């Protein structure tokens, strides 16, 4: 074998490590925008809360994705980590599922048993695991398909993300518990140690479960599934129903008792999980189907305009229109990439 001279080796550039900054920052921003801004929870007048939301929601989604990609796990594992992130928010950070509800027009005792707001908690478990984690992660991977199967963070990135998450959590806790709740004339609340401990144990159990759900996703089977358009419509309908169920808390005279709403939430969650498990396990499932499901769920979350000021309403309409345009552009791109791969 001929030896290479020093000059020859110097002419061969070393391969550069791939940079994932674009994908990382996109996910950090998309998580709070899709979950908070599109739904109207964060408005133009409260846009100052976006940085801590990026740290918590974006950082939580990024860390969850990192663990899943490093373990070569699938979307069920990502969903479980999203549930852990939701428990952290609802029991530890802002404690909105265990403190009496301070929202104007809400029935504080509706579905509150054992010190837990069960109607609200069940809604948030799905909302914060799907709209905060699953959908933003999938949309980001559709935007950066070349990086979709790879981890994005190195050791320093993981440490920085963890620090940002903790700082953001502290800021969110202080902003909600010390500032927002008193302004809503809510009585001081000190959560029982048992609820805090149960939240911590639930988080650890969910992380352990996600860690166990490792390995390559199961082999696809030949199974007919609806068209991508149909799946998008069904995703939008199921998401709209999910938001309607939460809305019972804010009705002057709820049409149904809290026990009925809790039962409906559990039933809908179980059915949709089973349906999507069947759909995604089909060999027919593709990125186009995933885009349609994300678009449908995100479109359904845009329907809240209650109590808006004029500037907030204009901002909300503009963001909603931009999101629709963005999703349609992304769908065209995914469709084109699929046709190119098949040709």
Protein backbone atom coordinates (compact mmCIF):
# COMPACT_ATOMS: atom_id res chain seq x y z
CA UNK A 1 0.00 0.00 0.00
CA UNK A 2 1.54 3.35 -0.98
CA UNK A 3 2.23 5.74 1.86
CA UNK A 4 0.65 9.17 1.86
CA UNK A 5 2.93 12.12 2.29
CA UNK A 6 2.23 14.86 4.82
CA UNK A 7 1.19 17.23 2.06
CA UNK A 8 -1.26 14.69 0.69
CA UNK A 9 -2.91 14.10 4.06
CA UNK A 10 -3.20 17.84 4.64
CA UNK A 11 -5.20 18.13 1.43
CA UNK A 12 -7.88 15.76 2.77
CA UNK A 13 -10.23 17.79 4.99
CA UNK A 14 -11.56 16.09 8.09
CA UNK A 15 -15.30 15.45 8.03
CA UNK A 16 -17.17 18.20 9.80
CA UNK A 17 -19.58 17.22 12.54
CA UNK A 18 -23.19 17.83 11.59
CA UNK A 19 -24.72 20.95 13.07
CA UNK A 20 -28.29 20.72 14.30
CA UNK A 21 -28.72 24.30 15.52
CA UNK A 22 -31.49 25.07 13.05
CA UNK A 23 -33.50 22.02 14.10
CA UNK A 24 -32.83 22.64 17.81
CA UNK A 25 -33.96 26.27 17.78
CA UNK A 26 -36.95 25.43 15.62
CA UNK A 27 -38.17 22.88 18.16
CA UNK A 28 -37.47 25.21 21.09
CA UNK A 29 -39.72 27.82 19.46
CA UNK A 30 -42.35 25.54 17.93
CA UNK A 31 -43.24 23.81 21.21
CA UNK A 32 -44.57 26.95 22.96
CA UNK A 33 -45.93 28.51 19.76
CA UNK A 34 -48.02 25.47 18.78
CA UNK A 35 -49.14 24.76 22.34
CA UNK A 36 -49.53 28.23 23.83
CA UNK A 37 -49.76 30.90 21.12
CA UNK A 38 -52.03 29.03 18.69
CA UNK A 39 -54.41 28.02 21.47
CA UNK A 40 -54.56 31.58 22.78
CA UNK A 41 -53.10 30.82 26.19
CA UNK A 42 -50.20 33.15 25.37
CA UNK A 43 -51.37 36.38 23.72
CA UNK A 44 -49.71 39.51 22.40
CA UNK A 45 -50.25 41.17 25.78
CA UNK A 46 -48.52 38.27 27.58
CA UNK A 47 -45.85 37.45 25.01
CA UNK A 48 -43.18 38.22 27.62
CA UNK A 49 -43.72 34.69 28.99
CA UNK A 50 -42.43 33.14 25.76
CA UNK A 51 -38.76 32.80 26.93
CA UNK A 52 -39.60 30.66 30.01
CA UNK A 53 -42.07 28.69 27.87
CA UNK A 54 -39.27 28.01 25.40
CA UNK A 55 -37.09 26.83 28.28
CA UNK A 56 -39.78 24.53 29.75
CA UNK A 57 -41.84 23.37 26.78
CA UNK A 58 -39.12 23.65 24.15
CA UNK A 59 -36.42 22.32 26.46
CA UNK A 60 -38.67 19.51 27.71
CA UNK A 61 -39.61 18.48 24.17
CA UNK A 62 -35.98 18.61 23.07
CA UNK A 63 -34.74 16.52 26.00
CA UNK A 64 -37.58 14.02 25.50
CA UNK A 65 -36.73 13.66 21.82
CA UNK A 66 -33.05 13.26 22.63
CA UNK A 67 -33.68 10.34 24.98
CA UNK A 68 -36.01 8.67 22.49
CA UNK A 69 -33.59 9.00 19.58
CA UNK A 70 -30.65 7.79 21.63
CA UNK A 71 -32.68 4.75 22.74
CA UNK A 72 -34.00 4.18 19.21
CA UNK A 73 -37.53 4.16 20.57
CA UNK A 74 -40.76 5.20 18.85
CA UNK A 75 -43.60 7.64 19.42
CA UNK A 76 -45.10 5.72 22.39
CA UNK A 77 -41.89 6.37 24.32
CA UNK A 78 -42.02 10.04 23.33
CA UNK A 79 -45.64 10.19 24.48
CA UNK A 80 -44.70 8.71 27.87
CA UNK A 81 -41.99 11.34 28.33
CA UNK A 82 -44.52 13.98 27.36
CA UNK A 83 -46.75 12.70 30.15
CA UNK A 84 -43.82 13.03 32.57
CA UNK A 85 -43.30 16.63 31.44
CA UNK A 86 -47.01 17.30 31.96
CA UNK A 87 -46.94 15.88 35.50
CA UNK A 88 -43.95 18.12 36.26
CA UNK A 89 -45.92 21.17 35.10
CA UNK A 90 -49.19 20.25 36.80
CA UNK A 91 -47.83 19.03 40.15
CA UNK A 92 -44.49 20.78 40.64
CA UNK A 93 -43.92 23.84 38.47
CA UNK A 94 -47.23 25.73 38.27
CA UNK A 95 -49.32 23.20 40.22
CA UNK A 96 -52.43 24.11 38.20
CA UNK A 97 -53.95 20.64 38.54
CA UNK A 98 -53.68 20.47 42.32
CA UNK A 99 -54.37 24.06 43.38
CA UNK A 100 -57.99 25.32 43.37
CA UNK A 101 -58.61 26.78 39.91
CA UNK A 102 -58.34 30.61 39.90
CA UNK A 103 -59.45 31.20 36.29
CA UNK A 104 -62.34 33.67 35.82
CA UNK A 105 -65.60 31.85 35.15
CA UNK A 106 -64.24 28.45 36.20
CA UNK A 107 -65.97 26.19 38.70
CA UNK A 108 -63.25 25.55 41.27
CA UNK A 109 -64.99 22.49 42.67
CA UNK A 110 -66.01 20.92 39.35
CA UNK A 111 -64.22 17.58 39.12
CA UNK A 112 -62.01 18.32 42.13
CA UNK A 113 -61.56 15.18 44.21
CA UNK A 114 -58.77 14.37 46.64
CA UNK A 115 -57.10 17.73 46.07
CA UNK A 116 -56.78 17.19 42.30
CA UNK A 117 -58.66 18.95 39.48
CA UNK A 118 -59.31 15.75 37.53
CA UNK A 119 -61.13 17.21 34.51
CA UNK A 120 -58.32 19.74 34.06
CA UNK A 121 -55.52 17.26 34.81
CA UNK A 122 -56.70 14.65 32.31
CA UNK A 123 -57.07 17.31 29.65
CA UNK A 124 -53.58 18.65 30.31
CA UNK A 125 -51.96 15.21 30.34
CA UNK A 126 -53.00 14.75 26.72
CA UNK A 127 -52.58 18.37 25.69
CA UNK A 128 -49.08 18.82 27.07
CA UNK A 129 -47.81 15.47 25.84
CA UNK A 130 -49.29 15.80 22.33
CA UNK A 131 -49.39 19.54 21.53
CA UNK A 132 -46.21 20.36 23.47
CA UNK A 133 -44.08 17.30 22.64
CA UNK A 134 -45.38 14.95 19.93
CA UNK A 135 -46.60 17.50 17.37
CA UNK A 136 -43.70 20.01 17.64
CA UNK A 137 -41.14 17.18 17.47
CA UNK A 138 -42.79 15.68 14.40
CA UNK A 139 -43.21 19.02 12.64
CA UNK A 140 -39.57 19.88 13.30
CA UNK A 141 -38.43 16.52 11.94
CA UNK A 142 -40.55 17.08 8.83
CA UNK A 143 -38.82 20.42 8.39
CA UNK A 144 -35.40 18.77 8.80
CA UNK A 145 -35.93 15.26 7.35
CA UNK A 146 -32.19 14.60 6.98
CA UNK A 147 -31.78 14.85 10.76
CA UNK A 148 -35.03 13.15 11.76
CA UNK A 149 -33.55 9.89 13.04
CA UNK A 150 -30.44 11.38 14.70
CA UNK A 151 -29.81 12.76 18.18
CA UNK A 152 -29.22 16.51 18.08
CA UNK A 153 -27.53 17.28 21.39
CA UNK A 154 -24.01 16.67 22.60
CA UNK A 155 -23.06 16.59 26.26
CA UNK A 156 -22.75 20.36 26.59
CA UNK A 157 -26.09 20.84 24.86
CA UNK A 158 -27.83 18.45 27.23
CA UNK A 159 -26.36 20.23 30.26
CA UNK A 160 -27.32 23.66 28.88
CA UNK A 161 -30.84 22.45 28.11
CA UNK A 162 -31.26 21.03 31.63
CA UNK A 163 -30.07 24.28 33.21
CA UNK A 164 -32.41 26.33 31.01
CA UNK A 165 -35.28 24.00 31.91
CA UNK A 166 -34.67 24.43 35.64
CA UNK A 167 -34.31 28.22 35.37
CA UNK A 168 -37.43 28.45 33.22
CA UNK A 169 -39.33 26.28 35.70
CA UNK A 170 -38.31 28.55 38.56
CA UNK A 171 -39.39 31.64 36.61
CA UNK A 172 -42.71 30.05 35.66
CA UNK A 173 -43.35 28.95 39.24
CA UNK A 174 -42.67 32.42 40.61
CA UNK A 175 -44.63 34.18 37.86
CA UNK A 176 -47.73 32.04 38.35
CA UNK A 177 -47.69 31.30 42.10
CA UNK A 178 -46.37 34.64 43.38
CA UNK A 179 -47.69 37.09 40.77
CA UNK A 180 -50.52 35.72 38.58
CA UNK A 181 -52.58 33.87 41.20
CA UNK A 182 -52.73 36.84 43.62
CA UNK A 183 -53.80 39.10 40.74
CA UNK A 184 -56.64 36.64 40.06
CA UNK A 185 -57.63 37.01 43.73
CA UNK A 186 -56.81 33.37 44.42
CA UNK A 187 -56.26 32.38 48.03
CA UNK A 188 -52.72 31.28 48.95
CA UNK A 189 -52.24 27.59 48.35
CA UNK A 190 -49.68 25.26 49.88
CA UNK A 191 -49.79 21.82 48.21
CA UNK A 192 -49.75 18.82 50.52
CA UNK A 193 -46.45 16.99 50.63
CA UNK A 194 -48.24 13.79 49.60
CA UNK A 195 -49.34 15.33 46.27
CA UNK A 196 -45.84 16.65 45.56
CA UNK A 197 -44.35 13.25 46.37
CA UNK A 198 -46.91 11.47 44.18
CA UNK A 199 -46.03 13.78 41.31
CA UNK A 200 -42.32 13.07 41.68
CA UNK A 201 -42.92 9.32 41.84
CA UNK A 202 -45.15 9.47 38.75
CA UNK A 203 -42.44 11.36 36.82
CA UNK A 204 -39.76 8.84 37.79
CA UNK A 205 -42.04 5.92 36.87
CA UNK A 206 -42.85 7.42 33.47
CA UNK A 207 -39.18 8.11 32.72
CA UNK A 208 -38.34 4.52 33.65
CA UNK A 209 -41.14 3.25 31.40
CA UNK A 210 -39.88 5.36 28.50
CA UNK A 211 -36.37 4.02 29.13
CA UNK A 212 -37.67 0.46 28.91
CA UNK A 213 -39.51 1.14 25.64
CA UNK A 214 -36.28 0.98 23.67
CA UNK A 215 -35.22 -0.66 20.47
CA UNK A 216 -36.38 -0.40 16.92
CA UNK A 217 -40.09 0.17 16.38
CA UNK A 218 -42.13 -2.97 15.57
CA UNK A 219 -42.21 -4.11 11.97
CA UNK A 220 -44.96 -2.58 9.88
CA UNK A 221 -47.83 -4.83 8.88
CA UNK A 222 -50.01 -4.76 5.78
CA UNK A 223 -53.14 -3.00 6.96
CA UNK A 224 -55.45 -0.64 5.12
CA UNK A 225 -55.85 2.76 6.73
CA UNK A 226 -57.86 5.84 5.74
CA UNK A 227 -56.42 8.47 3.42
CA UNK A 228 -54.18 11.20 4.81
CA UNK A 229 -56.99 13.73 4.32
CA UNK A 230 -59.40 11.57 6.31
CA UNK A 231 -56.88 11.11 9.10
CA UNK A 232 -56.35 14.87 9.25
CA UNK A 233 -60.09 15.48 9.53
CA UNK A 234 -60.52 12.80 12.20
CA UNK A 235 -57.58 14.24 14.12
CA UNK A 236 -59.19 17.69 14.00
CA UNK A 237 -62.58 16.35 15.18
CA UNK A 238 -61.08 14.36 18.08
CA UNK A 239 -58.99 17.39 19.11
CA UNK A 240 -62.00 19.71 18.97
CA UNK A 241 -63.98 17.32 21.16
CA UNK A 242 -61.07 17.25 23.62
CA UNK A 243 -61.19 21.03 23.96
CA UNK A 244 -64.99 20.99 24.32
CA UNK A 245 -64.68 18.57 27.24
CA UNK A 246 -62.39 20.99 29.08
CA UNK A 247 -64.78 23.82 28.30
CA UNK A 248 -67.35 22.33 30.67
CA UNK A 249 -65.32 23.78 33.53
CA UNK A 250 -66.09 27.29 32.29
CA UNK A 251 -69.82 26.79 31.58
CA UNK A 252 -72.17 28.65 33.96
CA UNK A 253 -74.29 25.51 34.12
CA UNK A 254 -72.32 22.43 32.91
CA UNK A 255 -74.51 20.11 30.87
CA UNK A 256 -73.01 17.04 32.50
CA UNK A 257 -71.53 16.10 35.83
CA UNK A 258 -67.77 15.96 36.26
CA UNK A 259 -67.89 12.16 36.50
CA UNK A 260 -69.34 11.99 32.97
CA UNK A 261 -66.68 14.36 31.57
CA UNK A 262 -63.84 12.43 33.24
CA UNK A 263 -65.23 9.20 31.79
CA UNK A 264 -65.46 10.76 28.33
CA UNK A 265 -61.87 12.02 28.58
CA UNK A 266 -60.57 8.59 29.52
CA UNK A 267 -62.62 6.86 26.80
CA UNK A 268 -61.55 9.29 24.07
CA UNK A 269 -57.89 9.05 25.08
CA UNK A 270 -57.93 5.23 25.05
CA UNK A 271 -59.75 5.06 21.71
CA UNK A 272 -57.48 7.58 19.98
CA UNK A 273 -54.34 5.89 21.31
CA UNK A 274 -55.55 2.53 19.98
CA UNK A 275 -56.55 4.04 16.63
CA UNK A 276 -53.23 5.81 16.10
CA UNK A 277 -51.30 2.73 17.22
CA UNK A 278 -53.11 0.78 14.51
CA UNK A 279 -52.61 3.47 11.88
CA UNK A 280 -48.92 4.05 12.56
CA UNK A 281 -48.31 0.29 12.63
CA UNK A 282 -49.45 0.00 9.02
CA UNK A 283 -46.96 -0.22 6.17
CA UNK A 284 -49.10 2.39 4.43
CA UNK A 285 -48.33 5.03 7.08
CA UNK A 286 -45.95 7.71 5.80
CA UNK A 287 -44.77 11.21 6.63
CA UNK A 288 -47.75 12.57 4.69
CA UNK A 289 -50.11 10.91 7.15
CA UNK A 290 -48.12 12.27 10.09
CA UNK A 291 -48.29 15.79 8.60
CA UNK A 292 -52.07 15.49 8.16
CA UNK A 293 -52.56 14.36 11.77
CA UNK A 294 -50.43 17.24 13.09
CA UNK A 295 -52.21 19.77 10.88
CA UNK A 296 -55.65 18.59 11.96
CA UNK A 297 -54.84 18.68 15.66
CA UNK A 298 -53.18 22.10 15.41
CA UNK A 299 -56.06 23.57 13.39
CA UNK A 300 -58.56 22.44 16.03
CA UNK A 301 -56.57 24.14 18.78
CA UNK A 302 -56.92 27.58 17.13
CA UNK A 303 -60.61 28.03 17.81
CA UNK A 304 -60.45 29.94 21.13
CA UNK A 305 -61.12 33.70 20.94
CA UNK A 306 -62.87 34.27 24.26
CA UNK A 307 -62.04 37.45 26.18
CA UNK A 308 -59.62 38.92 23.64
CA UNK A 309 -58.73 42.58 23.38
CA UNK A 310 -58.57 44.02 19.88
CA UNK A 311 -54.73 43.86 19.61
CA UNK A 312 -54.71 40.31 21.01
CA UNK A 313 -57.40 39.23 18.53
CA UNK A 314 -55.54 40.75 15.56
CA UNK A 315 -52.33 39.04 16.68
CA UNK A 316 -54.15 35.72 17.13
CA UNK A 317 -55.70 35.89 13.65
CA UNK A 318 -52.32 36.73 12.11
CA UNK A 319 -50.60 33.84 13.89
CA UNK A 320 -53.39 31.43 12.93
CA UNK A 321 -53.16 32.43 9.26
CA UNK A 322 -49.38 32.07 9.30
CA UNK A 323 -49.69 28.63 10.87
CA UNK A 324 -52.15 27.47 8.20
CA UNK A 325 -49.91 28.80 5.44
CA UNK A 326 -46.90 27.15 7.07
CA UNK A 327 -48.63 23.79 7.42
CA UNK A 328 -49.86 23.89 3.81
CA UNK A 329 -46.35 24.73 2.60
CA UNK A 330 -44.91 21.91 4.70
CA UNK A 331 -47.51 19.48 3.34
CA UNK A 332 -46.58 20.41 -0.24
CA UNK A 333 -42.93 19.89 0.58
CA UNK A 334 -43.53 16.50 2.22
CA UNK A 335 -45.66 15.40 -0.77
CA UNK A 336 -42.95 16.47 -3.18
CA UNK A 337 -40.23 14.67 -1.23
CA UNK A 338 -42.34 11.51 -1.21
CA UNK A 339 -42.86 11.63 -4.97
CA UNK A 340 -39.14 12.22 -5.50
CA UNK A 341 -38.26 9.21 -3.30
CA UNK A 342 -40.70 6.95 -5.18
CA UNK A 343 -39.48 7.99 -8.63
